[in-house]
């Protein structure tokens, strides 16, 4: 299995609804998808969308702005999903964003 990466680093998302809108479209999540981190965790476990099921790791690349200006908290939620099993999911900054490193 390969990883799937979604680069949102050129977008400024101000609300969780905007985030779920773009993730729902990109990953072809069903209409009944819960649009929250519990539902995202379930999607990572498999059986909800082929776009995730066919990958071993999901990487969502963001810039440190808008909703992600406090990226540490959001990244922590994604790391929790990884630790719970199933596919890994990580939010990382763009390679040139030194503020995101260690």
PDB file of N, CA and C in Angstrom:
ATOM      1  N   UNK A   1       0.833  -1.182   0.000  1.00  0.00           N
ATOM      2  CA  UNK A   1       0.000   0.000   0.000  1.00  0.00           C
ATOM      3  C   UNK A   1       0.877   1.246   0.000  1.00  0.00           C
ATOM      4  N   UNK A   2       0.386   2.259  -0.617  1.00  0.00           N
ATOM      5  CA  UNK A   2       1.097   3.530  -0.677  1.00  0.00           C
ATOM      6  C   UNK A   2       0.427   4.557   0.216  1.00  0.00           C
ATOM      7  N   UNK A   3       1.177   5.620   0.483  1.00  0.00           N
ATOM      8  CA  UNK A   3       0.586   6.713   1.248  1.00  0.00           C
ATOM      9  C   UNK A   3      -0.180   7.624   0.299  1.00  0.00           C
ATOM     10  N   UNK A   4      -1.133   8.357   0.858  1.00  0.00           N
ATOM     11  CA  UNK A   4      -1.862   9.364   0.098  1.00  0.00           C
ATOM     12  C   UNK A   4      -1.598  10.692   0.784  1.00  0.00           C
ATOM     13  N   UNK A   5      -1.300  11.713  -0.017  1.00  0.00           N
ATOM     14  CA  UNK A   5      -1.004  13.024   0.542  1.00  0.00           C
ATOM     15  C   UNK A   5      -1.940  14.059  -0.060  1.00  0.00           C
ATOM     16  N   UNK A   6      -2.440  14.915   0.812  1.00  0.00           N
ATOM     17  CA  UNK A   6      -3.314  16.006   0.374  1.00  0.00           C
ATOM     18  C   UNK A   6      -2.660  17.297   0.824  1.00  0.00           C
ATOM     19  N   UNK A   7      -2.258  18.118  -0.119  1.00  0.00           N
ATOM     20  CA  UNK A   7      -1.541  19.357   0.187  1.00  0.00           C
ATOM     21  C   UNK A   7      -2.513  20.532   0.270  1.00  0.00           C
ATOM     22  N   UNK A   8      -2.756  20.985   1.485  1.00  0.00           N
ATOM     23  CA  UNK A   8      -3.612  22.154   1.728  1.00  0.00           C
ATOM     24  C   UNK A   8      -2.785  23.378   2.092  1.00  0.00           C
ATOM     25  N   UNK A   9      -1.480  23.303   1.902  1.00  0.00           N
ATOM     26  CA  UNK A   9      -0.601  24.383   2.371  1.00  0.00           C
ATOM     27  C   UNK A   9      -0.817  25.700   1.633  1.00  0.00           C
ATOM     28  N   UNK A  10      -1.488  25.667   0.496  1.00  0.00           N
ATOM     29  CA  UNK A  10      -1.759  26.909  -0.231  1.00  0.00           C
ATOM     30  C   UNK A  10      -3.150  27.461   0.066  1.00  0.00           C
ATOM     31  N   UNK A  11      -3.838  26.868   1.025  1.00  0.00           N
ATOM     32  CA  UNK A  11      -5.193  27.308   1.380  1.00  0.00           C
ATOM     33  C   UNK A  11      -5.232  27.805   2.811  1.00  0.00           C
ATOM     34  N   UNK A  12      -6.124  28.745   3.072  1.00  0.00           N
ATOM     35  CA  UNK A  12      -6.366  29.217   4.432  1.00  0.00           C
ATOM     36  C   UNK A  12      -7.771  28.768   4.799  1.00  0.00           C
ATOM     37  N   UNK A  13      -7.842  27.827   5.714  1.00  0.00           N
ATOM     38  CA  UNK A  13      -9.124  27.327   6.203  1.00  0.00           C
ATOM     39  C   UNK A  13      -9.354  27.943   7.576  1.00  0.00           C
ATOM     40  N   UNK A  14     -10.464  28.632   7.726  1.00  0.00           N
ATOM     41  CA  UNK A  14     -10.722  29.344   8.972  1.00  0.00           C
ATOM     42  C   UNK A  14     -11.596  28.578   9.952  1.00  0.00           C
ATOM     43  N   UNK A  15     -12.369  27.608   9.468  1.00  0.00           N
ATOM     44  CA  UNK A  15     -13.298  26.896  10.352  1.00  0.00           C
ATOM     45  C   UNK A  15     -13.172  25.388  10.163  1.00  0.00           C
ATOM     46  N   UNK A  16     -13.551  24.612  11.176  1.00  0.00           N
ATOM     47  CA  UNK A  16     -13.579  23.156  11.003  1.00  0.00           C
ATOM     48  C   UNK A  16     -14.484  22.736   9.842  1.00  0.00           C
ATOM     49  N   UNK A  17     -15.607  23.433   9.637  1.00  0.00           N
ATOM     50  CA  UNK A  17     -16.484  23.077   8.513  1.00  0.00           C
ATOM     51  C   UNK A  17     -15.758  23.174   7.181  1.00  0.00           C
ATOM     52  N   UNK A  18     -14.927  24.197   7.015  1.00  0.00           N
ATOM     53  CA  UNK A  18     -14.158  24.316   5.778  1.00  0.00           C
ATOM     54  C   UNK A  18     -13.184  23.153   5.626  1.00  0.00           C
ATOM     55  N   UNK A  19     -12.559  22.751   6.719  1.00  0.00           N
ATOM     56  CA  UNK A  19     -11.662  21.598   6.677  1.00  0.00           C
ATOM     57  C   UNK A  19     -12.413  20.350   6.255  1.00  0.00           C
ATOM     58  N   UNK A  20     -13.546  20.077   6.903  1.00  0.00           N
ATOM     59  CA  UNK A  20     -14.298  18.863   6.569  1.00  0.00           C
ATOM     60  C   UNK A  20     -14.830  18.917   5.144  1.00  0.00           C
ATOM     61  N   UNK A  21     -15.171  20.102   4.651  1.00  0.00           N
ATOM     62  CA  UNK A  21     -15.613  20.231   3.260  1.00  0.00           C
ATOM     63  C   UNK A  21     -14.528  19.759   2.293  1.00  0.00           C
ATOM     64  N   UNK A  22     -13.300  20.249   2.469  1.00  0.00           N
ATOM     65  CA  UNK A  22     -12.241  19.876   1.529  1.00  0.00           C
ATOM     66  C   UNK A  22     -11.821  18.417   1.696  1.00  0.00           C
ATOM     67  N   UNK A  23     -11.795  17.920   2.947  1.00  0.00           N
ATOM     68  CA  UNK A  23     -11.438  16.515   3.147  1.00  0.00           C
ATOM     69  C   UNK A  23     -12.516  15.588   2.603  1.00  0.00           C
ATOM     70  N   UNK A  24     -13.781  15.961   2.780  1.00  0.00           N
ATOM     71  CA  UNK A  24     -14.890  15.151   2.254  1.00  0.00           C
ATOM     72  C   UNK A  24     -14.801  15.050   0.744  1.00  0.00           C
ATOM     73  N   UNK A  25     -14.508  16.170   0.098  1.00  0.00           N
ATOM     74  CA  UNK A  25     -14.402  16.159  -1.369  1.00  0.00           C
ATOM     75  C   UNK A  25     -13.190  15.352  -1.827  1.00  0.00           C
ATOM     76  N   UNK A  26     -12.024  15.616  -1.240  1.00  0.00           N
ATOM     77  CA  UNK A  26     -10.793  14.959  -1.681  1.00  0.00           C
ATOM     78  C   UNK A  26     -10.843  13.447  -1.467  1.00  0.00           C
ATOM     79  N   UNK A  27     -11.306  13.017  -0.293  1.00  0.00           N
ATOM     80  CA  UNK A  27     -11.315  11.595   0.035  1.00  0.00           C
ATOM     81  C   UNK A  27     -12.621  10.902  -0.338  1.00  0.00           C
ATOM     82  N   UNK A  28     -13.524  11.642  -0.969  1.00  0.00           N
ATOM     83  CA  UNK A  28     -14.810  11.084  -1.397  1.00  0.00           C
ATOM     84  C   UNK A  28     -15.541  10.423  -0.223  1.00  0.00           C
ATOM     85  N   UNK A  29     -15.604  11.164   0.877  1.00  0.00           N
ATOM     86  CA  UNK A  29     -16.285  10.657   2.069  1.00  0.00           C
ATOM     87  C   UNK A  29     -17.795  10.692   1.838  1.00  0.00           C
ATOM     88  N   UNK A  30     -18.523   9.726   2.382  1.00  0.00           N
ATOM     89  CA  UNK A  30     -19.971   9.660   2.147  1.00  0.00           C
ATOM     90  C   UNK A  30     -20.718  10.812   2.817  1.00  0.00           C
ATOM     91  N   UNK A  31     -21.913  11.052   2.359  1.00  0.00           N
ATOM     92  CA  UNK A  31     -22.749  12.127   2.880  1.00  0.00           C
ATOM     93  C   UNK A  31     -22.968  11.991   4.391  1.00  0.00           C
ATOM     94  N   UNK A  32     -23.017  10.761   4.888  1.00  0.00           N
ATOM     95  CA  UNK A  32     -23.278  10.534   6.306  1.00  0.00           C
ATOM     96  C   UNK A  32     -22.023  10.645   7.183  1.00  0.00           C
ATOM     97  N   UNK A  33     -20.870  10.955   6.591  1.00  0.00           N
ATOM     98  CA  UNK A  33     -19.637  11.121   7.360  1.00  0.00           C
ATOM     99  C   UNK A  33     -19.847  12.171   8.449  1.00  0.00           C
ATOM    100  N   UNK A  34     -19.403  11.908   9.654  1.00  0.00           N
ATOM    101  CA  UNK A  34     -19.699  12.733  10.825  1.00  0.00           C
ATOM    102  C   UNK A  34     -19.009  14.078  10.930  1.00  0.00           C
ATOM    103  N   UNK A  35     -18.009  14.341  10.103  1.00  0.00           N
ATOM    104  CA  UNK A  35     -17.339  15.639  10.084  1.00  0.00           C
ATOM    105  C   UNK A  35     -16.781  16.044  11.451  1.00  0.00           C
ATOM    106  N   UNK A  36     -16.102  15.111  12.098  1.00  0.00           N
ATOM    107  CA  UNK A  36     -15.424  15.388  13.355  1.00  0.00           C
ATOM    108  C   UNK A  36     -14.273  14.390  13.485  1.00  0.00           C
ATOM    109  N   UNK A  37     -13.441  14.548  14.507  1.00  0.00           N
ATOM    110  CA  UNK A  37     -12.269  13.689  14.616  1.00  0.00           C
ATOM    111  C   UNK A  37     -12.607  12.246  14.964  1.00  0.00           C
ATOM    112  N   UNK A  38     -13.705  12.007  15.650  1.00  0.00           N
ATOM    113  CA  UNK A  38     -14.126  10.624  15.891  1.00  0.00           C
ATOM    114  C   UNK A  38     -14.476   9.938  14.565  1.00  0.00           C
ATOM    115  N   UNK A  39     -15.197  10.649  13.712  1.00  0.00           N
ATOM    116  CA  UNK A  39     -15.557  10.102  12.401  1.00  0.00           C
ATOM    117  C   UNK A  39     -14.308   9.911  11.540  1.00  0.00           C
ATOM    118  N   UNK A  40     -13.356  10.846  11.617  1.00  0.00           N
ATOM    119  CA  UNK A  40     -12.094  10.719  10.866  1.00  0.00           C
ATOM    120  C   UNK A  40     -11.337   9.489  11.333  1.00  0.00           C
ATOM    121  N   UNK A  41     -11.295   9.277  12.637  1.00  0.00           N
ATOM    122  CA  UNK A  41     -10.650   8.082  13.186  1.00  0.00           C
ATOM    123  C   UNK A  41     -11.302   6.829  12.613  1.00  0.00           C
ATOM    124  N   UNK A  42     -12.621   6.809  12.554  1.00  0.00           N
ATOM    125  CA  UNK A  42     -13.333   5.665  11.980  1.00  0.00           C
ATOM    126  C   UNK A  42     -12.964   5.467  10.513  1.00  0.00           C
ATOM    127  N   UNK A  43     -12.861   6.567   9.761  1.00  0.00           N
ATOM    128  CA  UNK A  43     -12.490   6.474   8.350  1.00  0.00           C
ATOM    129  C   UNK A  43     -11.098   5.876   8.197  1.00  0.00           C
ATOM    130  N   UNK A  44     -10.194   6.202   9.108  1.00  0.00           N
ATOM    131  CA  UNK A  44      -8.843   5.653   9.056  1.00  0.00           C
ATOM    132  C   UNK A  44      -8.826   4.150   9.338  1.00  0.00           C
ATOM    133  N   UNK A  45      -9.813   3.667  10.074  1.00  0.00           N
ATOM    134  CA  UNK A  45      -9.878   2.238  10.370  1.00  0.00           C
ATOM    135  C   UNK A  45     -10.261   1.421   9.136  1.00  0.00           C
ATOM    136  N   UNK A  46     -10.882   2.078   8.163  1.00  0.00           N
ATOM    137  CA  UNK A  46     -11.206   1.406   6.901  1.00  0.00           C
ATOM    138  C   UNK A  46     -12.686   1.149   6.736  1.00  0.00           C
ATOM    139  N   UNK A  47     -13.058   0.881   5.478  1.00  0.00           N
ATOM    140  CA  UNK A  47     -14.421   0.527   5.162  1.00  0.00           C
ATOM    141  C   UNK A  47     -15.354   1.701   4.887  1.00  0.00           C
ATOM    142  N   UNK A  48     -14.832   2.917   4.855  1.00  0.00           N
ATOM    143  CA  UNK A  48     -15.692   4.077   4.624  1.00  0.00           C
ATOM    144  C   UNK A  48     -15.440   4.683   3.247  1.00  0.00           C
ATOM    145  N   UNK A  49     -14.177   4.740   2.833  1.00  0.00           N
ATOM    146  CA  UNK A  49     -13.860   5.286   1.522  1.00  0.00           C
ATOM    147  C   UNK A  49     -12.632   4.598   0.932  1.00  0.00           C
ATOM    148  N   UNK A  50     -12.702   4.260  -0.335  1.00  0.00           N
ATOM    149  CA  UNK A  50     -11.593   3.591  -1.005  1.00  0.00           C
ATOM    150  C   UNK A  50     -10.351   4.471  -1.067  1.00  0.00           C
ATOM    151  N   UNK A  51     -10.542   5.790  -1.081  1.00  0.00           N
ATOM    152  CA  UNK A  51      -9.401   6.706  -1.144  1.00  0.00           C
ATOM    153  C   UNK A  51      -8.485   6.543   0.065  1.00  0.00           C
ATOM    154  N   UNK A  52      -9.037   6.195   1.206  1.00  0.00           N
ATOM    155  CA  UNK A  52      -8.234   5.952   2.405  1.00  0.00           C
ATOM    156  C   UNK A  52      -7.889   4.475   2.516  1.00  0.00           C
ATOM    157  N   UNK A  53      -8.826   3.607   2.197  1.00  0.00           N
ATOM    158  CA  UNK A  53      -8.592   2.169   2.331  1.00  0.00           C
ATOM    159  C   UNK A  53      -7.396   1.693   1.518  1.00  0.00           C
ATOM    160  N   UNK A  54      -7.115   2.349   0.406  1.00  0.00           N
ATOM    161  CA  UNK A  54      -6.011   1.934  -0.448  1.00  0.00           C
ATOM    162  C   UNK A  54      -4.666   2.496  -0.044  1.00  0.00           C
ATOM    163  N   UNK A  55      -4.580   3.118   1.131  1.00  0.00           N
ATOM    164  CA  UNK A  55      -3.323   3.730   1.553  1.00  0.00           C
ATOM    165  C   UNK A  55      -2.914   3.218   2.933  1.00  0.00           C
ATOM    166  N   UNK A  56      -1.608   3.294   3.181  1.00  0.00           N
ATOM    167  CA  UNK A  56      -1.108   2.891   4.495  1.00  0.00           C
ATOM    168  C   UNK A  56      -0.953   4.084   5.426  1.00  0.00           C
ATOM    169  N   UNK A  57      -0.729   5.258   4.861  1.00  0.00           N
ATOM    170  CA  UNK A  57      -0.572   6.482   5.644  1.00  0.00           C
ATOM    171  C   UNK A  57      -1.293   7.607   4.914  1.00  0.00           C
ATOM    172  N   UNK A  58      -1.964   8.440   5.670  1.00  0.00           N
ATOM    173  CA  UNK A  58      -2.620   9.623   5.125  1.00  0.00           C
ATOM    174  C   UNK A  58      -1.863  10.840   5.647  1.00  0.00           C
ATOM    175  N   UNK A  59      -1.361  11.654   4.731  1.00  0.00           N
ATOM    176  CA  UNK A  59      -0.631  12.861   5.096  1.00  0.00           C
ATOM    177  C   UNK A  59      -1.430  14.056   4.602  1.00  0.00           C
ATOM    178  N   UNK A  60      -1.697  14.984   5.492  1.00  0.00           N
ATOM    179  CA  UNK A  60      -2.376  16.215   5.132  1.00  0.00           C
ATOM    180  C   UNK A  60      -1.408  17.351   5.426  1.00  0.00           C
ATOM    181  N   UNK A  61      -0.959  18.000   4.373  1.00  0.00           N
ATOM    182  CA  UNK A  61       0.047  19.044   4.508  1.00  0.00           C
ATOM    183  C   UNK A  61      -0.649  20.401   4.618  1.00  0.00           C
ATOM    184  N   UNK A  62      -0.313  21.160   5.668  1.00  0.00           N
ATOM    185  CA  UNK A  62      -0.944  22.466   5.901  1.00  0.00           C
ATOM    186  C   UNK A  62       0.123  23.512   6.187  1.00  0.00           C
ATOM    187  N   UNK A  63      -0.244  24.758   5.977  1.00  0.00           N
ATOM    188  CA  UNK A  63       0.593  25.883   6.401  1.00  0.00           C
ATOM    189  C   UNK A  63       0.098  26.334   7.766  1.00  0.00           C
ATOM    190  N   UNK A  64       0.928  27.022   8.465  1.00  0.00           N
ATOM    191  CA  UNK A  64       0.563  27.487   9.805  1.00  0.00           C
ATOM    192  C   UNK A  64      -0.199  28.803   9.691  1.00  0.00           C
ATOM    193  N   UNK A  65      -1.477  28.697   9.347  1.00  0.00           N
ATOM    194  CA  UNK A  65      -2.342  29.866   9.227  1.00  0.00           C
ATOM    195  C   UNK A  65      -3.779  29.440   9.456  1.00  0.00           C
ATOM    196  N   UNK A  66      -4.681  30.414   9.572  1.00  0.00           N
ATOM    197  CA  UNK A  66      -6.095  30.113   9.747  1.00  0.00           C
ATOM    198  C   UNK A  66      -6.332  29.112  10.865  1.00  0.00           C
ATOM    199  N   UNK A  67      -7.077  28.090  10.558  1.00  0.00           N
ATOM    200  CA  UNK A  67      -7.407  27.045  11.517  1.00  0.00           C
ATOM    201  C   UNK A  67      -6.155  26.372  12.088  1.00  0.00           C
ATOM    202  N   UNK A  68      -5.076  26.372  11.321  1.00  0.00           N
ATOM    203  CA  UNK A  68      -3.856  25.676  11.719  1.00  0.00           C
ATOM    204  C   UNK A  68      -2.803  26.590  12.327  1.00  0.00           C
ATOM    205  N   UNK A  69      -3.183  27.787  12.724  1.00  0.00           N
ATOM    206  CA  UNK A  69      -2.194  28.668  13.350  1.00  0.00           C
ATOM    207  C   UNK A  69      -1.756  28.097  14.700  1.00  0.00           C
ATOM    208  N   UNK A  70      -2.563  27.229  15.297  1.00  0.00           N
ATOM    209  CA  UNK A  70      -2.206  26.534  16.530  1.00  0.00           C
ATOM    210  C   UNK A  70      -2.071  25.053  16.202  1.00  0.00           C
ATOM    211  N   UNK A  71      -1.245  24.738  15.252  1.00  0.00           N
ATOM    212  CA  UNK A  71      -1.161  23.403  14.666  1.00  0.00           C
ATOM    213  C   UNK A  71      -0.870  22.308  15.668  1.00  0.00           C
ATOM    214  N   UNK A  72      -0.161  22.595  16.731  1.00  0.00           N
ATOM    215  CA  UNK A  72       0.214  21.548  17.671  1.00  0.00           C
ATOM    216  C   UNK A  72      -1.011  20.803  18.189  1.00  0.00           C
ATOM    217  N   UNK A  73      -2.053  21.517  18.578  1.00  0.00           N
ATOM    218  CA  UNK A  73      -3.257  20.856  19.079  1.00  0.00           C
ATOM    219  C   UNK A  73      -3.919  19.977  18.040  1.00  0.00           C
ATOM    220  N   UNK A  74      -4.019  20.484  16.806  1.00  0.00           N
ATOM    221  CA  UNK A  74      -4.651  19.693  15.739  1.00  0.00           C
ATOM    222  C   UNK A  74      -3.808  18.474  15.422  1.00  0.00           C
ATOM    223  N   UNK A  75      -2.488  18.657  15.343  1.00  0.00           N
ATOM    224  CA  UNK A  75      -1.616  17.523  15.037  1.00  0.00           C
ATOM    225  C   UNK A  75      -1.743  16.468  16.123  1.00  0.00           C
ATOM    226  N   UNK A  76      -1.892  16.887  17.368  1.00  0.00           N
ATOM    227  CA  UNK A  76      -2.046  15.933  18.457  1.00  0.00           C
ATOM    228  C   UNK A  76      -3.257  15.042  18.272  1.00  0.00           C
ATOM    229  N   UNK A  77      -4.356  15.608  17.795  1.00  0.00           N
ATOM    230  CA  UNK A  77      -5.549  14.800  17.569  1.00  0.00           C
ATOM    231  C   UNK A  77      -5.315  13.764  16.482  1.00  0.00           C
ATOM    232  N   UNK A  78      -4.565  14.131  15.462  1.00  0.00           N
ATOM    233  CA  UNK A  78      -4.271  13.174  14.403  1.00  0.00           C
ATOM    234  C   UNK A  78      -3.338  12.087  14.898  1.00  0.00           C
ATOM    235  N   UNK A  79      -2.384  12.450  15.746  1.00  0.00           N
ATOM    236  CA  UNK A  79      -1.478  11.445  16.289  1.00  0.00           C
ATOM    237  C   UNK A  79      -2.254  10.455  17.152  1.00  0.00           C
ATOM    238  N   UNK A  80      -3.221  10.918  17.925  1.00  0.00           N
ATOM    239  CA  UNK A  80      -4.052  10.007  18.714  1.00  0.00           C
ATOM    240  C   UNK A  80      -4.734   8.984  17.803  1.00  0.00           C
ATOM    241  N   UNK A  81      -5.226   9.436  16.656  1.00  0.00           N
ATOM    242  CA  UNK A  81      -5.872   8.507  15.729  1.00  0.00           C
ATOM    243  C   UNK A  81      -4.879   7.456  15.264  1.00  0.00           C
ATOM    244  N   UNK A  82      -3.629   7.848  15.049  1.00  0.00           N
ATOM    245  CA  UNK A  82      -2.599   6.911  14.623  1.00  0.00           C
ATOM    246  C   UNK A  82      -2.352   5.864  15.710  1.00  0.00           C
ATOM    247  N   UNK A  83      -2.262   6.310  16.952  1.00  0.00           N
ATOM    248  CA  UNK A  83      -1.959   5.394  18.049  1.00  0.00           C
ATOM    249  C   UNK A  83      -3.087   4.407  18.306  1.00  0.00           C
ATOM    250  N   UNK A  84      -4.299   4.741  17.909  1.00  0.00           N
ATOM    251  CA  UNK A  84      -5.437   3.867  18.147  1.00  0.00           C
ATOM    252  C   UNK A  84      -5.462   2.685  17.181  1.00  0.00           C
ATOM    253  N   UNK A  85      -4.583   2.674  16.201  1.00  0.00           N
ATOM    254  CA  UNK A  85      -4.523   1.564  15.256  1.00  0.00           C
ATOM    255  C   UNK A  85      -5.014   1.968  13.886  1.00  0.00           C
ATOM    256  N   UNK A  86      -4.922   1.053  12.957  1.00  0.00           N
ATOM    257  CA  UNK A  86      -5.352   1.354  11.594  1.00  0.00           C
ATOM    258  C   UNK A  86      -4.310   2.173  10.868  1.00  0.00           C
ATOM    259  N   UNK A  87      -4.754   2.946   9.917  1.00  0.00           N
ATOM    260  CA  UNK A  87      -3.849   3.772   9.122  1.00  0.00           C
ATOM    261  C   UNK A  87      -3.380   4.961   9.930  1.00  0.00           C
ATOM    262  N   UNK A  88      -2.181   5.369   9.649  1.00  0.00           N
ATOM    263  CA  UNK A  88      -1.675   6.574  10.276  1.00  0.00           C
ATOM    264  C   UNK A  88      -2.222   7.803   9.582  1.00  0.00           C
ATOM    265  N   UNK A  89      -2.352   8.870  10.314  1.00  0.00           N
ATOM    266  CA  UNK A  89      -2.799  10.140   9.754  1.00  0.00           C
ATOM    267  C   UNK A  89      -1.972  11.233  10.393  1.00  0.00           C
ATOM    268  N   UNK A  90      -1.358  12.061   9.579  1.00  0.00           N
ATOM    269  CA  UNK A  90      -0.453  13.056  10.103  1.00  0.00           C
ATOM    270  C   UNK A  90      -0.734  14.397   9.444  1.00  0.00           C
ATOM    271  N   UNK A  91      -0.698  15.453  10.226  1.00  0.00           N
ATOM    272  CA  UNK A  91      -0.700  16.797   9.658  1.00  0.00           C
ATOM    273  C   UNK A  91       0.716  17.320   9.813  1.00  0.00           C
ATOM    274  N   UNK A  92       1.288  17.759   8.706  1.00  0.00           N
ATOM    275  CA  UNK A  92       2.633  18.322   8.747  1.00  0.00           C
ATOM    276  C   UNK A  92       2.644  19.625   7.977  1.00  0.00           C
ATOM    277  N   UNK A  93       3.562  20.500   8.339  1.00  0.00           N
ATOM    278  CA  UNK A  93       3.695  21.756   7.614  1.00  0.00           C
ATOM    279  C   UNK A  93       4.466  21.551   6.331  1.00  0.00           C
ATOM    280  N   UNK A  94       4.438  22.539   5.468  1.00  0.00           N
ATOM    281  CA  UNK A  94       5.214  22.457   4.240  1.00  0.00           C
ATOM    282  C   UNK A  94       6.703  22.323   4.565  1.00  0.00           C
ATOM    283  N   UNK A  95       7.487  21.713   3.712  1.00  0.00           N
ATOM    284  CA  UNK A  95       8.903  21.494   4.011  1.00  0.00           C
ATOM    285  C   UNK A  95       9.661  22.775   4.347  1.00  0.00           C
ATOM    286  N   UNK A  96       9.225  23.905   3.825  1.00  0.00           N
ATOM    287  CA  UNK A  96       9.937  25.155   4.084  1.00  0.00           C
ATOM    288  C   UNK A  96       9.471  25.842   5.364  1.00  0.00           C
ATOM    289  N   UNK A  97       8.466  25.292   6.035  1.00  0.00           N
ATOM    290  CA  UNK A  97       7.909  25.920   7.235  1.00  0.00           C
ATOM    291  C   UNK A  97       8.694  25.454   8.454  1.00  0.00           C
ATOM    292  N   UNK A  98       9.774  26.154   8.786  1.00  0.00           N
ATOM    293  CA  UNK A  98      10.663  25.755   9.892  1.00  0.00           C
ATOM    294  C   UNK A  98       9.960  25.810  11.244  1.00  0.00           C
ATOM    295  N   UNK A  99       8.877  26.568  11.367  1.00  0.00           N
ATOM    296  CA  UNK A  99       8.175  26.667  12.647  1.00  0.00           C
ATOM    297  C   UNK A  99       7.508  25.359  13.034  1.00  0.00           C
ATOM    298  N   UNK A 100       7.362  24.445  12.092  1.00  0.00           N
ATOM    299  CA  UNK A 100       6.675  23.190  12.361  1.00  0.00           C
ATOM    300  C   UNK A 100       7.650  22.099  12.828  1.00  0.00           C
ATOM    301  N   UNK A 101       8.936  22.365  12.808  1.00  0.00           N
ATOM    302  CA  UNK A 101       9.925  21.337  13.116  1.00  0.00           C
ATOM    303  C   UNK A 101      10.266  21.382  14.587  1.00  0.00           C
ATOM    304  N   UNK A 102      10.176  20.193  15.220  1.00  0.00           N
ATOM    305  CA  UNK A 102      10.546  19.947  16.594  1.00  0.00           C
ATOM    306  C   UNK A 102      10.325  21.061  17.489  1.00  0.00           C
TER     307      UNK A 102
END
